[in-house]
Amino acid sequence: MGMTYEARQTGDVTILDINGRIDLGVPIAFGPGASVPLKTVVRDFAERGHRNIVLNLRDVTYIDSSGIGELVGSVTTVRKLGGDLRVVNPNMKVQLLLRTCKMDTVIDVKPDEASALQAFSKTATRA
């Protein structure tokens, strides 16, 4: 099964609702018949000025090591452009993988969207 996403905006935060698997050879579907990797989708949003990005992983069923690489590439790209990226709603299996790989020390993982939005507003207040 391929991946899909839907983008929505809450204030100055772009939320990408990801669905499917983040693994080798399964890029996110982007338009009819075409596909691009997660980090490319995130980069495109960031380059268009969407610098606060939340990846909602509620409907992600699996992530492998290449998917971890996509997450690292995504957060690195957004931070280089002056923004930040947070992950929300990972299921228990994905949470365990993120902790095992120490990804929760690289990417801010929040239990829900409200927590991520609040973290972005605290960051903006400090700036």
C-alpha atoms as a PDB file:
ATOM      1  CA  MET A   1       0.000   0.000   0.000  1.00  0.00           C
ATOM      2  CA  GLY A   2       1.322   3.454  -0.890  1.00  0.00           C
ATOM      3  CA  MET A   3       1.197   6.517   1.260  1.00  0.00           C
ATOM      4  CA  THR A   4      -1.061   9.505   1.026  1.00  0.00           C
ATOM      5  CA  TYR A   5      -1.311  12.770   2.892  1.00  0.00           C
ATOM      6  CA  GLU A   6      -3.686  15.618   3.388  1.00  0.00           C
ATOM      7  CA  ALA A   7      -2.506  19.078   4.398  1.00  0.00           C
ATOM      8  CA  ARG A   8      -4.404  21.498   6.571  1.00  0.00           C
ATOM      9  CA  GLN A   9      -3.554  24.749   8.273  1.00  0.00           C
ATOM     10  CA  THR A  10      -4.086  25.750  11.917  1.00  0.00           C
ATOM     11  CA  GLY A  11      -2.822  29.287  12.413  1.00  0.00           C
ATOM     12  CA  ASP A  12       0.791  29.319  11.254  1.00  0.00           C
ATOM     13  CA  VAL A  13       1.173  25.529  11.600  1.00  0.00           C
ATOM     14  CA  THR A  14       0.803  23.158   8.659  1.00  0.00           C
ATOM     15  CA  ILE A  15      -0.458  19.711   9.641  1.00  0.00           C
ATOM     16  CA  LEU A  16       0.220  16.821   7.284  1.00  0.00           C
ATOM     17  CA  ASP A  17      -2.047  13.855   7.986  1.00  0.00           C
ATOM     18  CA  ILE A  18       0.008  10.883   6.782  1.00  0.00           C
ATOM     19  CA  ASN A  19      -1.651   7.577   5.929  1.00  0.00           C
ATOM     20  CA  GLY A  20      -0.029   4.214   5.178  1.00  0.00           C
ATOM     21  CA  ARG A  21       3.561   3.073   5.606  1.00  0.00           C
ATOM     22  CA  ILE A  22       6.823   5.017   5.670  1.00  0.00           C
ATOM     23  CA  ASP A  23       9.251   2.478   4.264  1.00  0.00           C
ATOM     24  CA  LEU A  24      11.676   1.706   1.464  1.00  0.00           C
ATOM     25  CA  GLY A  25      10.130   2.054  -1.945  1.00  0.00           C
ATOM     26  CA  VAL A  26       6.842   3.477  -0.765  1.00  0.00           C
ATOM     27  CA  PRO A  27       6.892   7.220  -1.385  1.00  0.00           C
ATOM     28  CA  ILE A  28       3.892   9.394  -0.637  1.00  0.00           C
ATOM     29  CA  ALA A  29       1.411   9.617  -3.475  1.00  0.00           C
ATOM     30  CA  PHE A  30       1.358  13.151  -4.829  1.00  0.00           C
ATOM     31  CA  GLY A  31      -1.136  13.641  -7.592  1.00  0.00           C
ATOM     32  CA  PRO A  32      -2.416  11.096 -10.088  1.00  0.00           C
ATOM     33  CA  GLY A  33       0.198   8.539 -11.078  1.00  0.00           C
ATOM     34  CA  ALA A  34       3.113  10.380  -9.459  1.00  0.00           C
ATOM     35  CA  SER A  35       4.893  10.024  -6.149  1.00  0.00           C
ATOM     36  CA  VAL A  36       7.563  11.768  -4.100  1.00  0.00           C
ATOM     37  CA  PRO A  37       9.324  10.947  -0.823  1.00  0.00           C
ATOM     38  CA  LEU A  38       8.132  12.392   2.478  1.00  0.00           C
ATOM     39  CA  LYS A  39      11.149  14.682   2.842  1.00  0.00           C
ATOM     40  CA  THR A  40      10.410  16.197  -0.582  1.00  0.00           C
ATOM     41  CA  VAL A  41       6.808  16.936   0.379  1.00  0.00           C
ATOM     42  CA  VAL A  42       7.989  18.530   3.641  1.00  0.00           C
ATOM     43  CA  ARG A  43      10.701  20.517   1.831  1.00  0.00           C
ATOM     44  CA  ASP A  44       8.180  21.826  -0.696  1.00  0.00           C
ATOM     45  CA  PHE A  45       5.898  23.065   2.083  1.00  0.00           C
ATOM     46  CA  ALA A  46       8.815  24.640   3.978  1.00  0.00           C
ATOM     47  CA  GLU A  47      10.123  26.398   0.848  1.00  0.00           C
ATOM     48  CA  ARG A  48       6.656  27.886   0.296  1.00  0.00           C
ATOM     49  CA  GLY A  49       6.822  29.463   3.758  1.00  0.00           C
ATOM     50  CA  HIS A  50       5.174  26.737   5.832  1.00  0.00           C
ATOM     51  CA  ARG A  51       7.953  26.509   8.397  1.00  0.00           C
ATOM     52  CA  ASN A  52       6.019  25.062  11.365  1.00  0.00           C
ATOM     53  CA  ILE A  53       5.052  21.544  10.336  1.00  0.00           C
ATOM     54  CA  VAL A  54       3.328  18.745  12.212  1.00  0.00           C
ATOM     55  CA  LEU A  55       3.369  15.201  10.875  1.00  0.00           C
ATOM     56  CA  ASN A  56       0.250  13.451  12.129  1.00  0.00           C
ATOM     57  CA  LEU A  57       1.174   9.752  12.163  1.00  0.00           C
ATOM     58  CA  ARG A  58      -2.162   8.511  13.536  1.00  0.00           C
ATOM     59  CA  ASP A  59      -2.796   6.457  10.377  1.00  0.00           C
ATOM     60  CA  VAL A  60       0.811   5.313   9.809  1.00  0.00           C
ATOM     61  CA  THR A  61       0.948   1.569  10.362  1.00  0.00           C
ATOM     62  CA  TYR A  62       4.670   0.942   9.881  1.00  0.00           C
ATOM     63  CA  ILE A  63       8.024   2.706   9.598  1.00  0.00           C
ATOM     64  CA  ASP A  64      11.297   0.999   8.610  1.00  0.00           C
ATOM     65  CA  SER A  65      14.879   2.312   8.700  1.00  0.00           C
ATOM     66  CA  SER A  66      14.490   4.182   5.418  1.00  0.00           C
ATOM     67  CA  GLY A  67      11.351   5.777   6.852  1.00  0.00           C
ATOM     68  CA  ILE A  68      13.411   6.912   9.835  1.00  0.00           C
ATOM     69  CA  GLY A  69      15.811   8.452   7.301  1.00  0.00           C
ATOM     70  CA  GLU A  70      12.867  10.281   5.703  1.00  0.00           C
ATOM     71  CA  LEU A  71      11.915  11.710   9.109  1.00  0.00           C
ATOM     72  CA  VAL A  72      15.500  12.828   9.790  1.00  0.00           C
ATOM     73  CA  GLY A  73      15.746  14.398   6.331  1.00  0.00           C
ATOM     74  CA  SER A  74      12.428  16.164   6.859  1.00  0.00           C
ATOM     75  CA  VAL A  75      13.312  17.702  10.217  1.00  0.00           C
ATOM     76  CA  THR A  76      16.787  18.686   8.981  1.00  0.00           C
ATOM     77  CA  THR A  77      15.348  20.433   5.915  1.00  0.00           C
ATOM     78  CA  VAL A  78      12.741  22.367   7.893  1.00  0.00           C
ATOM     79  CA  ARG A  79      15.261  23.460  10.521  1.00  0.00           C
ATOM     80  CA  LYS A  80      17.730  24.639   7.858  1.00  0.00           C
ATOM     81  CA  LEU A  81      14.944  26.851   6.499  1.00  0.00           C
ATOM     82  CA  GLY A  82      14.323  28.354   9.944  1.00  0.00           C
ATOM     83  CA  GLY A  83      11.355  26.255  11.013  1.00  0.00           C
ATOM     84  CA  ASP A  84      10.648  23.185  13.062  1.00  0.00           C
ATOM     85  CA  LEU A  85       8.822  19.889  12.732  1.00  0.00           C
ATOM     86  CA  ARG A  86       6.915  17.852  15.279  1.00  0.00           C
ATOM     87  CA  VAL A  87       5.397  14.378  15.142  1.00  0.00           C
ATOM     88  CA  VAL A  88       2.034  13.586  16.729  1.00  0.00           C
ATOM     89  CA  ASN A  89      -0.216  10.597  17.335  1.00  0.00           C
ATOM     90  CA  PRO A  90       2.212   7.733  16.646  1.00  0.00           C
ATOM     91  CA  ASN A  91       0.712   4.332  17.456  1.00  0.00           C
ATOM     92  CA  MET A  92       2.432   2.137  20.061  1.00  0.00           C
ATOM     93  CA  LYS A  93       4.540   0.266  17.492  1.00  0.00           C
ATOM     94  CA  VAL A  94       5.761   3.508  15.883  1.00  0.00           C
ATOM     95  CA  GLN A  95       6.364   5.086  19.321  1.00  0.00           C
ATOM     96  CA  LEU A  96       8.540   2.132  20.320  1.00  0.00           C
ATOM     97  CA  LEU A  97      10.552   2.385  17.105  1.00  0.00           C
ATOM     98  CA  LEU A  98      11.060   6.138  17.539  1.00  0.00           C
ATOM     99  CA  ARG A  99      12.264   5.582  21.131  1.00  0.00           C
ATOM    100  CA  THR A 100      14.483   2.635  20.199  1.00  0.00           C
ATOM    101  CA  CYS A 101      16.156   4.653  17.429  1.00  0.00           C
ATOM    102  CA  LYS A 102      16.444   7.666  19.774  1.00  0.00           C
ATOM    103  CA  MET A 103      14.403   9.674  17.268  1.00  0.00           C
ATOM    104  CA  ASP A 104      12.497  11.225  20.163  1.00  0.00           C
ATOM    105  CA  THR A 105      15.728  13.094  20.977  1.00  0.00           C
ATOM    106  CA  VAL A 106      15.916  14.503  17.428  1.00  0.00           C
ATOM    107  CA  ILE A 107      12.242  15.148  16.684  1.00  0.00           C
ATOM    108  CA  ASP A 108       9.746  16.473  19.201  1.00  0.00           C
ATOM    109  CA  VAL A 109       7.117  13.727  19.513  1.00  0.00           C
ATOM    110  CA  LYS A 110       3.812  14.813  21.041  1.00  0.00           C
ATOM    111  CA  PRO A 111       0.816  12.662  21.973  1.00  0.00           C
ATOM    112  CA  ASP A 112      -1.677  14.899  20.139  1.00  0.00           C
ATOM    113  CA  GLU A 113      -2.084  17.967  17.943  1.00  0.00           C
ATOM    114  CA  ALA A 114      -3.030  20.266  20.811  1.00  0.00           C
ATOM    115  CA  SER A 115       0.313  19.568  22.516  1.00  0.00           C
ATOM    116  CA  ALA A 116       2.236  20.231  19.295  1.00  0.00           C
ATOM    117  CA  LEU A 117       0.372  23.471  18.607  1.00  0.00           C
ATOM    118  CA  GLN A 118       1.002  24.606  22.177  1.00  0.00           C
ATOM    119  CA  ALA A 119       4.729  23.786  21.821  1.00  0.00           C
ATOM    120  CA  PHE A 120       4.901  25.920  18.655  1.00  0.00           C
ATOM    121  CA  SER A 121       3.203  28.830  20.419  1.00  0.00           C
ATOM    122  CA  LYS A 122       5.663  28.596  23.336  1.00  0.00           C
ATOM    123  CA  THR A 123       8.574  28.626  20.865  1.00  0.00           C
ATOM    124  CA  ALA A 124       7.154  31.726  19.141  1.00  0.00           C
ATOM    125  CA  THR A 125       6.688  33.468  22.505  1.00  0.00           C
ATOM    126  CA  ARG A 126      10.359  32.907  23.426  1.00  0.00           C
ATOM    127  CA  ALA A 127      11.648  34.206  20.080  1.00  0.00           C
END
